[in-house]
Protein backbone atom coordinates (compact mmCIF):
# COMPACT_ATOMS: atom_id res chain seq x y z
CA UNK A 1 50.02 163.26 47.80
CA UNK A 2 51.51 163.90 50.73
CA UNK A 3 48.29 162.25 52.71
CA UNK A 4 48.70 159.02 50.51
CA UNK A 5 52.22 158.39 51.63
CA UNK A 6 51.49 159.18 55.68
CA UNK A 7 48.71 156.64 55.06
CA UNK A 8 50.73 154.32 53.20
CA UNK A 9 53.51 154.60 56.15
CA UNK A 10 51.08 154.08 58.46
CA UNK A 11 50.09 151.07 56.97
CA UNK A 12 53.82 149.45 56.42
CA UNK A 13 53.97 150.34 60.42
CA UNK A 14 50.92 148.61 61.07
CA UNK A 15 51.99 145.62 58.86
CA UNK A 16 55.21 145.36 60.76
CA UNK A 17 53.62 145.50 64.47
CA UNK A 18 51.47 142.71 63.44
CA UNK A 19 54.29 140.83 62.02
CA UNK A 20 56.00 141.19 65.25
CA UNK A 21 52.93 140.32 66.97
CA UNK A 22 52.64 137.10 64.69
CA UNK A 23 56.19 136.44 65.53
CA UNK A 24 55.93 136.61 69.25
CA UNK A 25 52.30 134.52 69.12
CA UNK A 26 53.86 131.83 66.55
CA UNK A 27 57.48 131.79 67.28
CA UNK A 28 57.06 129.41 70.54
CA UNK A 29 54.95 127.28 68.68
CA UNK A 30 57.02 126.38 65.44
CA UNK A 31 59.93 126.34 68.24
CA UNK A 32 58.78 123.17 69.76
CA UNK A 33 57.69 121.31 66.75
CA UNK A 34 61.08 122.02 65.13
CA UNK A 35 63.30 120.87 68.23
CA UNK A 36 61.03 117.95 68.64
CA UNK A 37 61.71 117.25 64.79
CA UNK A 38 65.18 118.08 65.26
CA UNK A 39 65.53 115.79 68.48
CA UNK A 40 64.19 112.82 66.60
CA UNK A 41 66.18 113.17 63.43
CA UNK A 42 69.44 113.99 65.49
CA UNK A 43 68.54 111.71 68.68
CA UNK A 44 65.85 109.27 68.18
CA UNK A 45 64.13 111.01 71.02
CA UNK A 46 61.28 113.13 71.42
CA UNK A 47 60.56 116.93 72.76
CA UNK A 48 57.88 117.79 74.60
CA UNK A 49 56.60 121.37 76.64
CA UNK A 50 54.30 120.66 79.42
CA UNK A 51 54.15 124.24 80.19
CA UNK A 52 53.98 127.13 78.29
CA UNK A 53 56.60 128.91 75.30
CA UNK A 54 57.49 132.44 75.63
CA UNK A 55 59.75 134.84 73.34
CA UNK A 56 62.42 136.59 75.53
CA UNK A 57 63.65 139.98 74.23
CA UNK A 58 66.52 140.64 76.59
CA UNK A 59 68.70 138.63 75.18
CA UNK A 60 66.50 137.34 71.94
CA UNK A 61 65.75 133.75 72.99
CA UNK A 62 62.81 131.21 73.33
CA UNK A 63 61.96 129.77 76.63
CA UNK A 64 59.80 126.66 77.14
CA UNK A 65 58.39 126.15 80.36
CA UNK A 66 58.78 122.36 81.86
CA UNK A 67 60.61 120.93 78.66
CA UNK A 68 61.21 117.30 78.59
CA UNK A 69 63.68 115.25 76.57
CA UNK A 70 62.23 111.60 76.21
CA UNK A 71 63.59 108.34 77.07
CA UNK A 72 64.72 105.41 74.39
CA UNK A 73 61.33 103.84 74.39
CA UNK A 74 57.84 104.97 74.89
CA UNK A 75 56.79 104.47 78.75
CA UNK A 76 60.46 104.90 79.77
CA UNK A 77 61.14 107.49 82.62
CA UNK A 78 62.16 110.81 80.84
CA UNK A 79 65.66 111.06 79.85
CA UNK A 80 65.66 115.03 81.00
CA UNK A 81 62.70 117.14 82.63
CA UNK A 82 63.80 121.01 83.03
CA UNK A 83 61.79 123.67 84.92
CA UNK A 84 62.84 125.89 81.50
CA UNK A 85 65.00 125.68 78.66
CA UNK A 86 66.26 128.94 77.20
CA UNK A 87 67.38 128.90 73.33
CA UNK A 88 69.18 131.92 72.05
CA UNK A 89 67.92 132.94 68.50
CA UNK A 90 68.50 135.68 66.11
CA UNK A 91 65.93 137.82 64.28
CA UNK A 92 66.77 135.86 61.14
CA UNK A 93 66.21 132.95 62.86
CA UNK A 94 62.59 134.03 63.96
CA UNK A 95 62.02 135.26 60.52
CA UNK A 96 63.09 131.87 59.18
CA UNK A 97 61.20 130.01 61.48
CA UNK A 98 64.10 127.73 63.12
CA UNK A 99 66.13 127.71 66.28
CA UNK A 100 69.74 126.46 66.73
CA UNK A 101 69.49 124.39 69.78
CA UNK A 102 73.49 123.99 69.80
CA UNK A 103 73.57 126.49 72.75
CA UNK A 104 70.61 125.93 75.68
CA UNK A 105 70.52 126.66 79.02
CA UNK A 106 68.54 124.40 81.50
CA UNK A 107 67.03 125.78 84.56
CA UNK A 108 66.78 122.67 87.56
CA UNK A 109 67.00 119.98 85.14
CA UNK A 110 66.28 116.45 86.42
CA UNK A 111 68.83 113.96 84.60
CA UNK A 112 68.10 110.33 84.83
CA UNK A 113 70.69 108.06 84.00
CA UNK A 114 69.31 104.83 83.41
CA UNK A 115 70.14 100.84 82.87
CA UNK A 116 67.47 98.59 82.60
CA UNK A 117 67.31 94.93 83.26
CA UNK A 118 68.67 93.81 79.54
CA UNK A 119 71.80 96.14 80.14
CA UNK A 120 70.55 99.13 78.00
CA UNK A 121 71.64 102.65 79.27
CA UNK A 122 69.05 105.58 78.36
CA UNK A 123 71.78 107.78 77.38
CA UNK A 124 72.95 105.91 74.54
CA UNK A 125 72.00 106.95 70.89
CA UNK A 126 72.71 104.58 68.70
CA UNK A 127 72.51 105.31 65.00
CA UNK A 128 72.37 109.09 66.16
CA UNK A 129 75.47 111.73 66.10
CA UNK A 130 75.27 115.39 66.96
CA UNK A 131 75.90 117.41 63.59
CA UNK A 132 77.49 119.97 65.55
CA UNK A 133 78.98 120.90 69.03
CA UNK A 134 76.34 121.44 71.66
CA UNK A 135 77.05 123.40 74.89
CA UNK A 136 74.22 122.87 77.86
CA UNK A 137 74.63 125.65 80.75
CA UNK A 138 72.94 123.92 83.77
CA UNK A 139 71.61 125.80 86.55
CA UNK A 140 70.97 123.86 90.08
CA UNK A 141 70.78 120.37 88.24
CA UNK A 142 70.06 117.22 89.60
CA UNK A 143 71.42 113.82 88.27
CA UNK A 144 70.23 110.29 89.45
CA UNK A 145 71.61 106.79 88.32
CA UNK A 146 70.13 103.67 88.87
CA UNK A 147 71.07 99.66 87.74
CA UNK A 148 68.18 97.77 87.59
CA UNK A 149 70.39 94.59 87.37
CA UNK A 150 71.90 95.35 90.53
CA UNK A 151 69.94 98.17 92.07
CA UNK A 152 72.97 100.70 92.41
CA UNK A 153 71.82 104.04 92.95
CA UNK A 154 73.82 107.09 93.27
CA UNK A 155 72.76 111.07 93.18
CA UNK A 156 74.45 114.51 92.48
CA UNK A 157 72.41 117.55 93.19
CA UNK A 158 72.98 121.58 93.00
CA UNK A 159 75.00 121.09 89.80
CA UNK A 160 75.98 124.52 88.07
CA UNK A 161 78.52 124.80 84.89
CA UNK A 162 78.96 123.96 81.24
CA UNK A 163 78.04 120.77 79.42
CA UNK A 164 80.03 120.65 76.08
CA UNK A 165 79.01 117.89 73.91
CA UNK A 166 81.53 116.89 70.99
CA UNK A 167 80.52 115.94 67.44
CA UNK A 168 82.66 112.73 68.19
CA UNK A 169 80.75 111.57 71.06
CA UNK A 170 82.57 112.77 74.00
CA UNK A 171 81.71 115.55 76.51
CA UNK A 172 83.40 117.73 78.94
CA UNK A 173 81.72 119.51 82.27
CA UNK A 174 83.31 122.48 84.13
CA UNK A 175 81.24 123.60 86.98
CA UNK A 176 80.29 122.58 90.67
CA UNK A 177 78.25 120.30 92.87
CA UNK A 178 77.16 119.72 96.17
CA UNK A 179 78.61 116.49 97.36
CA UNK A 180 78.03 115.41 101.18
CA UNK A 181 76.93 119.26 101.89
CA UNK A 182 80.22 120.39 100.77
CA UNK A 183 80.81 122.44 97.41
CA UNK A 184 82.96 120.75 95.00
CA UNK A 185 84.46 122.10 91.78
CA UNK A 186 84.59 119.55 88.87
CA UNK A 187 86.46 119.68 85.45
CA UNK A 188 85.83 116.08 83.49
CA UNK A 189 86.64 114.98 80.21
CA UNK A 190 84.90 111.85 78.63
CA UNK A 191 86.07 110.65 75.39
CA UNK A 192 83.08 108.76 74.29
CA UNK A 193 79.79 108.56 76.11
CA UNK A 194 78.40 105.65 73.80
CA UNK A 195 81.87 103.49 75.28
CA UNK A 196 80.49 104.02 78.81
CA UNK A 197 78.04 101.12 78.57
CA UNK A 198 80.30 98.96 76.34
CA UNK A 199 83.93 98.76 76.73
CA UNK A 200 84.37 101.71 78.64
CA UNK A 201 85.51 105.06 77.87
CA UNK A 202 88.55 106.83 78.81
CA UNK A 203 87.77 109.85 81.33
CA UNK A 204 89.58 112.76 83.16
CA UNK A 205 88.58 113.89 86.21
CA UNK A 206 89.79 116.42 88.80
CA UNK A 207 87.71 117.70 91.83
CA UNK A 208 88.52 120.33 94.38
CA UNK A 209 86.97 121.89 97.40
CA UNK A 210 88.19 123.54 100.66
CA UNK A 211 88.39 120.08 102.38
CA UNK A 212 90.77 118.86 99.71
CA UNK A 213 91.33 117.79 96.04
CA UNK A 214 91.29 114.79 93.69
CA UNK A 215 92.62 113.55 90.43
CA UNK A 216 91.42 110.61 88.38
CA UNK A 217 92.79 109.29 84.79
CA UNK A 218 91.27 106.35 83.74
CA UNK A 219 88.50 104.41 82.42
CA UNK A 220 84.63 104.69 83.37
CA UNK A 221 82.38 101.81 82.60
CA UNK A 222 79.02 100.49 83.35
CA UNK A 223 78.76 97.37 81.23
CA UNK A 224 78.55 95.41 84.50
CA UNK A 225 78.52 97.57 87.13
CA UNK A 226 79.58 101.13 87.71
CA UNK A 227 83.23 101.52 87.95
CA UNK A 228 86.32 103.67 87.89
CA UNK A 229 89.77 101.81 86.87
CA UNK A 230 92.80 104.09 86.46
CA UNK A 231 95.40 106.16 88.42
CA UNK A 232 94.10 108.61 91.14
CA UNK A 233 95.30 111.01 93.58
CA UNK A 234 94.09 112.34 96.83
CA UNK A 235 95.20 115.42 98.97
CA UNK A 236 93.71 117.23 102.13
CA UNK A 237 95.24 119.27 104.51
CA UNK A 238 92.03 118.57 106.97
CA UNK A 239 91.79 114.97 106.66
CA UNK A 240 88.82 114.48 108.67
CA UNK A 241 86.86 116.93 106.33
CA UNK A 242 87.96 115.27 103.28
CA UNK A 243 86.83 111.89 104.63
CA UNK A 244 83.34 113.16 105.27
CA UNK A 245 83.47 114.60 101.78
CA UNK A 246 83.84 110.92 100.27
CA UNK A 247 80.81 109.69 102.48
CA UNK A 248 82.58 108.37 105.50
CA UNK A 249 80.50 109.52 108.53
CA UNK A 250 82.68 110.77 111.20
CA UNK A 251 81.21 113.20 113.88
CA UNK A 252 81.53 117.06 113.40
CA UNK A 253 83.90 117.20 116.18
CA UNK A 254 86.44 114.31 115.07
CA UNK A 255 89.88 115.44 113.55
CA UNK A 256 92.33 113.54 112.22
CA UNK A 257 95.84 114.85 112.16
CA UNK A 258 97.18 115.76 108.64
CA UNK A 259 98.07 116.71 105.99
CA UNK A 260 96.95 113.79 104.03
CA UNK A 261 97.95 112.26 100.48
CA UNK A 262 97.09 109.20 98.76
CA UNK A 263 98.26 108.25 95.56
CA UNK A 264 97.87 104.61 93.82
CA UNK A 265 95.59 102.62 91.10
CA UNK A 266 91.70 102.96 91.74
CA UNK A 267 89.72 100.28 91.27
CA UNK A 268 86.01 100.82 92.04
CA UNK A 269 82.91 98.77 91.73
CA UNK A 270 79.72 100.66 92.54
CA UNK A 271 80.33 102.21 95.79
CA UNK A 272 83.07 99.98 96.72
CA UNK A 273 86.58 101.51 96.18
CA UNK A 274 90.19 99.98 96.43
CA UNK A 275 93.47 101.78 95.80
CA UNK A 276 96.27 99.62 95.00
CA UNK A 277 100.19 100.18 95.52
CA UNK A 278 99.48 103.50 96.68
CA UNK A 279 102.04 105.83 98.50
CA UNK A 280 100.09 106.98 101.72
CA UNK A 281 101.34 109.95 103.95
CA UNK A 282 99.36 111.11 106.98
CA UNK A 283 101.55 114.00 108.89
CA UNK A 284 105.09 112.51 109.44
CA UNK A 285 103.41 108.94 108.42
CA UNK A 286 104.93 107.52 105.37
CA UNK A 287 103.61 103.86 103.78
CA UNK A 288 102.82 102.19 100.72
CA UNK A 289 100.36 99.65 100.34
CA UNK A 290 96.54 99.04 99.60
CA UNK A 291 93.39 100.48 100.86
CA UNK A 292 89.61 99.49 99.97
CA UNK A 293 86.44 101.10 101.29
CA UNK A 294 82.95 99.47 101.19
CA UNK A 295 80.48 102.40 101.08
CA UNK A 296 77.23 100.32 100.02
CA UNK A 297 76.24 99.49 103.77
CA UNK A 298 74.62 102.00 106.26
CA UNK A 299 78.26 101.26 108.13
CA UNK A 300 81.09 101.51 106.10
CA UNK A 301 84.17 99.37 106.09
CA UNK A 302 87.80 100.01 105.47
CA UNK A 303 90.35 97.84 104.72
CA UNK A 304 94.01 98.77 105.07
CA UNK A 305 97.27 96.97 104.39
CA UNK A 306 100.46 98.92 104.87
CA UNK A 307 104.28 98.63 104.82
CA UNK A 308 105.97 101.68 106.27
CA UNK A 309 109.68 102.90 107.77
CA UNK A 310 108.13 104.33 110.87
CA UNK A 311 104.64 103.99 112.32
CA UNK A 312 103.94 107.54 114.45
CA UNK A 313 101.01 106.77 116.68
CA UNK A 314 101.10 110.02 118.36
CA UNK A 315 98.64 111.45 115.85
CA UNK A 316 96.36 108.20 116.49
CA UNK A 317 95.80 109.30 119.92
CA UNK A 318 93.01 111.75 120.62
CA UNK A 319 93.31 114.83 122.58
CA UNK A 320 91.77 114.56 126.10
CA UNK A 321 91.70 118.07 127.10
CA UNK A 322 94.69 117.47 129.78
CA UNK A 323 96.02 120.78 131.36
CA UNK A 324 99.30 120.95 133.54
CA UNK A 325 98.47 118.55 136.30
CA UNK A 326 95.07 117.93 135.46
CA UNK A 327 93.66 114.82 133.77
CA UNK A 328 91.61 115.26 130.53
CA UNK A 329 87.82 116.31 130.80
CA UNK A 330 87.02 116.59 126.88
CA UNK A 331 84.65 113.49 125.62
CA UNK A 332 86.61 111.53 123.76
CA UNK A 333 85.60 110.53 120.22
CA UNK A 334 84.39 107.24 121.02
CA UNK A 335 81.50 107.71 118.82
CA UNK A 336 83.65 107.81 115.32
CA UNK A 337 84.07 103.84 116.23
CA UNK A 338 80.49 103.16 116.07
CA UNK A 339 80.04 104.82 112.65
CA UNK A 340 82.83 102.54 110.59
CA UNK A 341 83.79 99.03 110.56
CA UNK A 342 87.57 98.26 109.49
CA UNK A 343 90.50 95.59 109.32
CA UNK A 344 94.13 97.28 109.66
CA UNK A 345 97.32 95.86 109.03
CA UNK A 346 100.50 97.68 109.25
CA UNK A 347 104.06 96.26 109.10
CA UNK A 348 106.71 98.97 110.01
CA UNK A 349 110.37 98.91 110.31
CA UNK A 350 110.34 101.32 113.46
CA UNK A 351 107.52 102.35 115.70
CA UNK A 352 107.63 105.55 118.03
CA UNK A 353 104.85 106.90 120.52
CA UNK A 354 106.17 110.18 122.25
CA UNK A 355 109.71 109.40 123.09
CA UNK A 356 108.92 105.51 123.10
CA UNK A 357 110.58 103.84 120.09
CA UNK A 358 110.68 100.15 118.93
CA UNK A 359 112.04 98.09 116.03
CA UNK A 360 110.17 96.03 113.63
CA UNK A 361 106.66 96.20 114.72
CA UNK A 362 103.75 94.46 113.32
CA UNK A 363 100.13 96.26 113.97
CA UNK A 364 96.69 94.81 113.78
CA UNK A 365 93.28 96.16 114.24
CA UNK A 366 89.36 95.03 113.93
CA UNK A 367 86.41 97.47 114.37
CA UNK A 368 83.03 95.60 114.21
CA UNK A 369 79.89 97.32 115.52
CA UNK A 370 81.93 99.56 117.76
CA UNK A 371 84.12 97.09 118.89
CA UNK A 372 87.77 97.86 118.37
CA UNK A 373 90.53 95.03 119.19
CA UNK A 374 94.19 96.01 118.51
CA UNK A 375 97.33 94.19 118.86
CA UNK A 376 101.04 95.54 118.54
CA UNK A 377 104.21 93.22 118.33
CA UNK A 378 107.39 94.86 118.55
CA UNK A 379 110.96 94.40 118.87
CA UNK A 380 113.00 96.61 121.46
CA UNK A 381 116.53 96.96 121.85
CA UNK A 382 117.79 93.79 120.07
CA UNK A 383 116.26 90.99 122.27
CA UNK A 384 113.80 92.97 123.88
CA UNK A 385 109.96 92.45 123.10
CA UNK A 386 106.52 94.66 123.36
CA UNK A 387 103.19 93.27 122.93
CA UNK A 388 100.29 95.19 123.90
CA UNK A 389 96.70 94.47 123.13
CA UNK A 390 93.91 97.17 123.34
CA UNK A 391 90.15 96.73 123.31
CA UNK A 392 87.26 99.10 123.30
CA UNK A 393 83.55 98.70 123.33
CA UNK A 394 81.68 102.01 122.69
CA UNK A 395 78.39 100.16 122.84
CA UNK A 396 78.51 99.90 126.67
CA UNK A 397 77.45 102.41 128.73
CA UNK A 398 79.97 103.97 129.56
CA UNK A 399 82.45 102.89 126.78
CA UNK A 400 84.71 100.08 128.38
CA UNK A 401 88.44 99.88 127.42
CA UNK A 402 91.04 96.94 128.18
CA UNK A 403 94.74 97.09 127.97
CA UNK A 404 97.17 94.18 128.54
CA UNK A 405 100.88 94.91 128.18
CA UNK A 406 104.18 92.97 128.08
CA UNK A 407 107.44 94.54 127.84
CA UNK A 408 110.20 91.95 128.27
CA UNK A 409 113.66 92.58 128.65
CA UNK A 410 113.50 95.91 127.20
CA UNK A 411 114.29 99.36 128.10
CA UNK A 412 111.82 100.62 130.43
CA UNK A 413 112.22 104.42 129.99
CA UNK A 414 110.71 106.16 128.15
CA UNK A 415 108.10 103.52 128.05
CA UNK A 416 107.02 103.87 131.53
CA UNK A 417 106.97 107.55 131.30
CA UNK A 418 104.58 107.47 128.25
CA UNK A 419 102.18 105.31 130.34
CA UNK A 420 102.46 106.36 133.94
CA UNK A 421 104.18 110.10 133.84
CA UNK A 422 107.12 107.96 135.71
CA UNK A 423 110.03 109.51 133.90
CA UNK A 424 112.87 109.09 136.60
CA UNK A 425 113.13 105.68 136.54
CA UNK A 426 115.94 104.01 134.10
CA UNK A 427 117.21 100.26 133.48
CA UNK A 428 116.07 97.35 131.56
CA UNK A 429 113.92 94.48 132.51
CA UNK A 430 110.24 93.24 132.47
CA UNK A 431 106.93 95.50 132.71
CA UNK A 432 103.34 94.10 132.83
CA UNK A 433 100.47 95.27 132.82
CA UNK A 434 96.15 93.66 132.94
CA UNK A 435 94.05 96.71 132.99
CA UNK A 436 90.26 97.78 132.25
CA UNK A 437 88.46 101.05 132.91
CA UNK A 438 85.29 102.62 131.81
CA UNK A 439 84.26 106.38 130.86
CA UNK A 440 83.95 108.86 128.45
CA UNK A 441 86.87 110.86 129.47
CA UNK A 442 90.54 110.27 130.63
CA UNK A 443 89.54 111.45 133.86
CA UNK A 444 86.64 108.95 134.16
CA UNK A 445 89.24 106.21 132.64
CA UNK A 446 91.62 107.05 135.45
CA UNK A 447 89.29 106.78 138.34
CA UNK A 448 87.56 103.91 137.54
CA UNK A 449 91.00 101.87 136.16
CA UNK A 450 91.67 98.82 137.71
CA UNK A 451 93.96 95.42 137.35
CA UNK A 452 97.55 94.27 138.22
CA UNK A 453 100.93 95.41 137.16
CA UNK A 454 104.16 94.24 137.77
CA UNK A 455 107.97 95.42 137.40
CA UNK A 456 111.39 93.89 137.55
CA UNK A 457 114.27 96.14 136.38
CA UNK A 458 118.28 95.21 136.63
CA UNK A 459 121.11 97.78 136.58
CA UNK A 460 118.87 100.80 136.56
CA UNK A 461 119.04 104.46 138.17
CA UNK A 462 116.36 106.31 140.04
CA UNK A 463 117.18 109.98 138.49
CA UNK A 464 117.14 113.04 140.55
CA UNK A 465 116.86 111.66 144.37
CA UNK A 466 119.49 109.95 146.44
CA UNK A 467 117.64 107.63 148.83
CA UNK A 468 120.53 107.01 151.23
CA UNK A 469 120.69 110.70 151.70
CA UNK A 470 117.18 111.30 151.86
CA UNK A 471 117.10 108.84 154.94
CA UNK A 472 119.91 110.52 156.45
CA UNK A 473 118.08 113.88 156.02
CA UNK A 474 114.91 112.68 157.41
CA UNK A 475 116.72 112.29 160.76
CA UNK A 476 117.17 116.01 161.44
CA UNK A 477 113.91 117.72 159.15
CA UNK A 478 111.03 116.87 157.68
CA UNK A 479 111.44 117.42 153.77
CA UNK A 480 109.13 119.46 151.82
CA UNK A 481 109.47 117.68 148.20
CA UNK A 482 111.99 115.18 147.01
CA UNK A 483 115.69 116.55 147.46
CA UNK A 484 117.38 116.91 144.57
CA UNK A 485 120.73 114.96 143.92
CA UNK A 486 122.20 115.19 140.15
CA UNK A 487 124.03 111.69 140.67
CA UNK A 488 120.53 110.06 141.53
CA UNK A 489 120.40 106.29 143.37
CA UNK A 490 121.92 103.58 140.74
CA UNK A 491 120.53 100.14 141.57
CA UNK A 492 120.89 96.59 140.90
CA UNK A 493 116.94 95.05 141.12
CA UNK A 494 113.77 96.68 141.33
CA UNK A 495 110.83 94.51 141.41
CA UNK A 496 107.69 94.40 142.67
CA UNK A 497 103.29 93.88 141.70
CA UNK A 498 100.68 96.29 142.44
CA UNK A 499 97.00 95.85 142.51
CA UNK A 500 94.56 98.91 140.97
CA UNK A 501 91.10 99.72 141.82
CA UNK A 502 89.12 102.93 141.60
CA UNK A 503 92.27 104.32 140.11
CA UNK A 504 94.49 103.72 143.15
CA UNK A 505 97.81 101.77 142.80
CA UNK A 506 98.18 99.68 145.79
CA UNK A 507 101.89 97.67 146.45
CA UNK A 508 102.87 95.90 149.50
CA UNK A 509 106.42 94.63 148.83
CA UNK A 510 108.50 96.75 146.62
CA UNK A 511 111.68 96.26 146.62
CA UNK A 512 114.87 98.00 145.71
CA UNK A 513 118.58 96.59 146.02
CA UNK A 514 121.50 98.97 145.36
CA UNK A 515 124.94 98.72 146.34
CA UNK A 516 124.99 98.42 150.04
CA UNK A 517 121.61 99.43 150.25
CA UNK A 518 118.20 97.84 150.31
CA UNK A 519 114.70 99.68 150.44
CA UNK A 520 111.47 97.80 150.69
CA UNK A 521 108.20 100.10 149.68
CA UNK A 522 104.84 99.76 150.56
CA UNK A 523 101.75 102.20 149.92
CA UNK A 524 98.95 103.84 147.49
CA UNK A 525 99.67 106.27 144.44
CA UNK A 526 96.19 108.07 143.42
CA UNK A 527 96.34 108.31 139.53
CA UNK A 528 93.50 110.50 139.42
CA UNK A 529 94.61 113.09 142.51
CA UNK A 530 98.05 112.69 141.57
CA UNK A 531 98.84 111.48 145.56
CA UNK A 532 101.14 109.21 147.04
CA UNK A 533 100.95 107.94 150.56
CA UNK A 534 103.97 105.39 150.47
CA UNK A 535 106.30 104.05 153.37
CA UNK A 536 109.70 102.83 152.58
CA UNK A 537 112.30 101.15 155.10
CA UNK A 538 116.03 101.24 154.28
CA UNK A 539 119.04 98.74 155.63
CA UNK A 540 122.55 98.94 154.83
CA UNK A 541 125.01 95.95 155.65
CA UNK A 542 121.92 94.65 157.35
CA UNK A 543 121.39 97.22 159.45
CA UNK A 544 118.71 99.84 159.24
CA UNK A 545 119.32 103.58 158.35
CA UNK A 546 116.42 104.57 160.48
CA UNK A 547 114.47 103.21 163.50
CA UNK A 548 111.29 103.45 161.74
CA UNK A 549 109.94 104.00 158.26
CA UNK A 550 110.20 106.84 156.07
CA UNK A 551 107.02 108.45 155.09
CA UNK A 552 106.23 110.03 151.60
CA UNK A 553 103.01 111.48 151.66
CA UNK A 554 101.07 114.36 149.19
CA UNK A 555 101.31 115.24 145.90
CA UNK A 556 103.37 112.79 144.18
CA UNK A 557 105.79 115.91 142.83
CA UNK A 558 106.29 117.32 145.75
CA UNK A 559 104.83 115.00 149.06
CA UNK A 560 106.00 115.93 152.57
CA UNK A 561 108.66 113.36 153.63
CA UNK A 562 108.93 112.39 157.44
CA UNK A 563 110.14 109.47 160.05
CA UNK A 564 106.97 107.52 160.94
CA UNK A 565 106.84 108.72 164.37
CA UNK A 566 103.12 109.74 165.80
CA UNK A 567 102.19 113.13 165.83
CA UNK A 568 105.50 114.67 163.96
CA UNK A 569 103.71 116.78 161.75
CA UNK A 570 101.69 118.66 164.51
CA UNK A 571 104.97 118.40 166.96
CA UNK A 572 108.05 118.02 164.99
CA UNK A 573 110.48 119.00 167.99
CA UNK A 574 108.73 116.15 170.04
CA UNK A 575 108.54 113.86 167.26
CA UNK A 576 112.22 114.04 166.75
CA UNK A 577 113.32 113.60 170.34
CA UNK A 578 111.13 110.71 170.01
CA UNK A 579 113.32 109.34 167.25
CA UNK A 580 116.35 109.94 169.02
CA UNK A 581 114.85 108.02 172.03
CA UNK A 582 114.48 104.86 169.75
CA UNK A 583 117.35 102.36 169.41
CA UNK A 584 120.43 103.97 168.50
CA UNK A 585 121.37 104.40 164.67
CA UNK A 586 124.17 103.90 162.54
CA UNK A 587 126.01 107.27 161.46
CA UNK A 588 124.99 108.92 165.16
């Protein structure tokens, strides 16, 4: 009896083992057939498996290698092709010969979102609806979009996350993707997948990365062309990185002073985007207006039209690497201008650069094929005007720059200081310059600078130096540097012209008229080496202050100043003795 029970138990165990073996062998087979039948019933599509099928035990699931969900019609590209599809199952589902695909994990799926020449989208499932919600886990997915009507194409890769498909036809995704080599977190909710290719579906979209964040709330449509329409906001503390993220090809070393924020109404068609009625801020700059970016061609094109309270130009001037008394040797980011075309128009109530301010300003610029042409027109101090034209050709070797400046009836300080570094001259008048240069650094540009300049100032002052006392002082000794005098030198008029070649400014007839004092200057200023070699002759009441001109030679911040007597630097005593032998001087 005992032996018969052992035999019966052994037979039961053997039958159980055979049943499990049968499940392992048979389950993948019926699962494929069941999934295919379910897909045809619910979606009107077929499911096939090009590879092998497996039953995994931890966790219990069916794994299909090279699983395929077909396109709408025979011969169409597949809608989804996955390296593997994993469907969790319970023991009861195995024993019952069925699987529930409401939860599925796809590894390396390739999803093709296609619209044919008749406008039919392969993600449309007319007449079919999900009977229950479906959750799809994506691992390293890739999406490609192509519209045969207009050859629009887009791609998104390295997608990881969870896609939830609802019974009402909506979908939501939460996960990450790699966009332009940057990892971006994505949260999206689409109200109706079917309406995307019809009247459009409401879409909530949030993107965030280390480079910035963006939010969109509006409508997604592919009825005519892939388009977005609705409010959008963009923000970044590193604007250059954020611009690279959206597809603008800025060089790795190009920087833009931030932070950046844009809020407006997005209207896009394919890879052409516009943001209307936008509020815009970049660093201290605030403005409202319109933006457009056309990314369809190899060289993107930007169009910007803004109105601002104050336009701060400092952030637009690239860092040159200048230190102390040295000119900058860092490569200027001219390459940026070869990667983008642009049309820019900014109207501002005021303009500021360094310590320079202006009233109502109009700035326009065009950038095409690496050639920049910019104009600034502004009012200064009521009746004063400022007109600047800037040209830059990055296609020449080396790049070339041109500048035409006309400041008329305008306060010249601090404009003169911002342009030349001369900060001790005040007054109101005219300053003109027509200049050109070539090079890739600030130092090279100064070394090749050429052109003409002119100045005419009335009722001004040379701060820190009393020129009349200077002429008296050099009768007795050689001066080391400019003698300081808090009251400076007031003047009625200062005018003259200069020519510039190879960074050296030459003037031959610069005249200063002060109360009871007239001074005529000639000489050179070496901009690159920051040196001067200037000769000055002064008269008071028609009589010379000194029998010979006075020479200022050396670095412009601290030159040697001495009478123009031969060998006076080598033999000061003999030089001053010869000076006394000259015609009698007033004041001796």
